[in-house]
Amino acid sequence: MQTSRFVVPAIAILASVGGACADPVDLVRVDKSERRMELLSGDKVVRSYAMALGANPVGHKGREGDERTPEGRYVLDWRNPGSGYYRSIHISYPNADDVAAAKRAGVVAGGMIMIHGQPNGYGWWSWLMQMFDWTNGCIAVTDEDMAEIWHMVEDGTPIEINP
C-alpha cells in the first residue's frame, strides 16, 4: 500500500512538467477555512492541494509573530531552492496597505511568508505534520506537492488568499 503513495506523486510530478505548458497557471487561490490551495489556468482548476497554515490561522496577518497567514491578493515574486524547508516560493506580504496598518497599530508587519514543503530532512513526517497548522504564517504542503507547484507556478503569478 505505502509504495503506491510514493509512485503516484512521482507520476504526477512528471506529468505536471508537461502539463504546465498545456495549462499555464495564472492564479494560485487559497481557501484558509478549507485548508485548500488551487492552481488555476483561466477559470479551470488544474491542481488542488491540502495545506497547513500558521498556528493561529483565523484572521489576516497583522504583525510579526502572530502566526497568521495573510489574506488578500499578493504575488509569488521569488523562490528559494536552498530554503530550510523543501523549496519555498515567496508571497509578497507585506504590501503597502499591510505596512501602513501595522504602523498605525505600532507593530512591525512581519514578512518572509512562503509556500513551502516540510522542514528539510522531515518530509517523511508530512503525513502527521499536515494534520495541524504548524507554520509561523506560511502555507505548507507535502514535499511531493511542493515539487509539482515549483514546476507549475512561475514567478510573478498572483496569489489570492481567502479567509
Protein backbone atom coordinates (compact mmCIF):
# COMPACT_ATOMS: atom_id res chain seq x y z
CA MET A 1 0.00 0.00 0.00
CA GLN A 2 2.63 2.54 1.01
CA THR A 3 4.54 2.06 -2.26
CA SER A 4 1.62 3.45 -4.27
CA ARG A 5 1.64 6.57 -2.08
CA PHE A 6 5.06 7.46 -3.48
CA VAL A 7 4.61 6.22 -7.04
CA VAL A 8 1.52 8.32 -7.77
CA PRO A 9 3.12 11.66 -6.72
CA ALA A 10 6.20 10.86 -8.81
CA ILE A 11 3.99 10.29 -11.86
CA ALA A 12 2.06 13.48 -11.07
CA ILE A 13 5.31 15.45 -10.82
CA LEU A 14 6.49 14.21 -14.21
CA ALA A 15 3.08 14.88 -15.75
CA SER A 16 2.99 18.38 -14.29
CA VAL A 17 6.10 19.48 -16.14
CA GLY A 18 4.38 18.74 -19.43
CA GLY A 19 1.02 19.89 -18.07
CA ALA A 20 2.44 23.28 -17.13
CA CYS A 21 2.81 24.12 -20.83
CA ALA A 22 -0.68 22.92 -21.73
CA ASP A 23 -2.38 24.73 -18.83
CA PRO A 24 -0.24 27.66 -17.70
CA VAL A 25 -1.03 28.61 -14.12
CA ASP A 26 -2.17 32.24 -13.94
CA LEU A 27 -3.56 32.28 -10.38
CA VAL A 28 -2.96 30.45 -7.12
CA ARG A 29 -6.09 30.51 -4.95
CA VAL A 30 -6.01 29.65 -1.24
CA ASP A 31 -9.04 28.91 0.92
CA LYS A 32 -7.81 29.09 4.52
CA SER A 33 -11.01 27.72 6.08
CA GLU A 34 -10.94 24.66 3.79
CA ARG A 35 -7.13 24.24 4.04
CA ARG A 36 -7.08 24.02 0.23
CA MET A 37 -4.77 25.57 -2.38
CA GLU A 38 -5.69 25.50 -6.06
CA LEU A 39 -3.69 26.28 -9.18
CA LEU A 40 -5.84 27.86 -11.88
CA SER A 41 -5.47 28.36 -15.60
CA GLY A 42 -8.20 30.80 -16.55
CA ASP A 43 -11.30 29.56 -14.74
CA LYS A 44 -10.09 25.95 -14.74
CA VAL A 45 -8.62 24.39 -11.59
CA VAL A 46 -5.65 22.37 -12.85
CA ARG A 47 -4.38 21.17 -9.45
CA SER A 48 -5.65 21.18 -5.87
CA TYR A 49 -3.68 20.55 -2.67
CA ALA A 50 -4.30 20.12 1.04
CA MET A 51 -2.22 22.53 3.10
CA ALA A 52 -1.34 23.61 6.61
CA LEU A 53 -1.24 27.23 7.77
CA GLY A 54 0.15 29.33 10.57
CA ALA A 55 -0.53 28.06 14.07
CA ASN A 56 -3.04 30.92 14.66
CA PRO A 57 -4.84 30.79 11.30
CA VAL A 58 -8.03 32.83 11.79
CA GLY A 59 -7.83 36.40 10.52
CA HIS A 60 -5.42 38.44 8.45
CA LYS A 61 -1.77 38.67 9.43
CA GLY A 62 -1.34 41.92 11.31
CA ARG A 63 2.09 41.77 12.88
CA GLU A 64 5.30 39.84 13.07
CA GLY A 65 4.98 36.79 15.31
CA ASP A 66 1.16 36.49 15.25
CA GLU A 67 1.44 33.11 13.44
CA ARG A 68 -1.28 34.12 10.96
CA THR A 69 -1.31 33.60 7.23
CA PRO A 70 -2.13 36.84 5.40
CA GLU A 71 -5.38 37.31 3.48
CA GLY A 72 -5.79 39.23 0.24
CA ARG A 73 -4.14 39.38 -3.15
CA TYR A 74 -0.38 39.18 -3.43
CA VAL A 75 2.24 37.98 -5.93
CA LEU A 76 4.55 34.96 -5.82
CA ASP A 77 7.63 37.03 -6.52
CA TRP A 78 10.73 34.86 -5.96
CA ARG A 79 11.80 31.37 -4.94
CA ASN A 80 14.41 29.78 -2.72
CA PRO A 81 15.68 26.32 -3.70
CA GLY A 82 18.03 26.35 -0.67
CA SER A 83 15.34 27.04 1.92
CA GLY A 84 15.28 25.42 5.37
CA TYR A 85 12.12 23.71 4.08
CA TYR A 86 11.71 21.67 0.92
CA ARG A 87 11.81 24.55 -1.56
CA SER A 88 9.94 27.77 -0.96
CA ILE A 89 8.17 30.40 -3.03
CA HIS A 90 7.81 33.86 -1.50
CA ILE A 91 4.46 35.64 -1.12
CA SER A 92 4.77 39.44 -1.50
CA TYR A 93 3.40 40.15 2.01
CA PRO A 94 3.53 42.82 3.36
CA ASN A 95 2.16 45.20 0.75
CA ALA A 96 1.85 48.97 1.29
CA ASP A 97 -1.56 48.59 2.99
CA ASP A 98 -0.20 45.93 5.37
CA VAL A 99 2.78 48.12 6.29
CA ALA A 100 0.52 51.15 6.88
CA ALA A 101 -1.90 49.14 9.06
CA ALA A 102 0.97 47.76 11.14
CA LYS A 103 2.45 51.23 11.53
CA ARG A 104 -0.92 52.60 12.74
CA ALA A 105 -1.07 49.74 15.26
CA GLY A 106 2.51 50.42 16.40
CA VAL A 107 3.78 46.99 15.33
CA VAL A 108 6.01 45.51 12.63
CA ALA A 109 4.06 43.81 9.80
CA GLY A 110 6.41 40.84 9.53
CA GLY A 111 7.36 39.12 6.30
CA MET A 112 9.04 36.11 4.74
CA ILE A 113 5.70 34.40 4.17
CA MET A 114 6.23 31.47 1.81
CA ILE A 115 4.62 28.45 0.23
CA HIS A 116 6.93 25.58 1.17
CA GLY A 117 7.26 21.87 1.79
CA GLN A 118 8.29 20.17 5.01
CA PRO A 119 11.36 21.03 7.11
CA ASN A 120 14.41 19.63 5.33
CA GLY A 121 15.01 16.01 6.29
CA TYR A 122 11.49 15.56 7.68
CA GLY A 123 9.42 15.12 4.52
CA TRP A 124 8.58 11.58 5.58
CA TRP A 125 6.75 13.11 8.56
CA SER A 126 4.31 15.05 6.36
CA TRP A 127 1.51 12.51 6.92
CA LEU A 128 1.47 13.80 10.52
CA MET A 129 2.61 17.42 10.08
CA GLN A 130 -0.16 18.21 7.58
CA MET A 131 -2.84 17.22 10.10
CA PHE A 132 -2.46 20.50 12.00
CA ASP A 133 -1.46 24.13 11.43
CA TRP A 134 2.19 24.37 12.37
CA THR A 135 3.90 27.20 10.46
CA ASN A 136 4.63 30.75 11.61
CA GLY A 137 2.26 32.07 8.89
CA CYS A 138 3.45 30.25 5.78
CA ILE A 139 1.49 27.82 3.64
CA ALA A 140 2.89 24.29 3.96
CA VAL A 141 2.31 21.35 1.62
CA THR A 142 3.92 17.94 1.28
CA ASP A 143 7.31 17.77 -0.42
CA GLU A 144 5.74 15.90 -3.35
CA ASP A 145 3.14 18.64 -3.79
CA MET A 146 5.80 21.35 -3.47
CA ALA A 147 7.86 19.74 -6.25
CA GLU A 148 4.81 19.92 -8.52
CA ILE A 149 3.95 23.51 -7.53
CA TRP A 150 7.60 24.53 -8.06
CA HIS A 151 7.45 23.37 -11.69
CA MET A 152 3.98 24.67 -12.50
CA VAL A 153 3.99 28.16 -10.93
CA GLU A 154 6.15 30.91 -12.39
CA ASP A 155 7.50 33.93 -10.50
CA GLY A 156 5.05 36.81 -10.90
CA THR A 157 1.94 34.62 -10.54
CA PRO A 158 -0.77 36.26 -8.41
CA ILE A 159 -1.95 34.51 -5.27
CA GLU A 160 -5.36 35.15 -3.71
CA ILE A 161 -5.67 34.12 -0.07
CA ASN A 162 -9.25 33.95 1.20
CA PRO A 163 -10.47 33.53 4.77
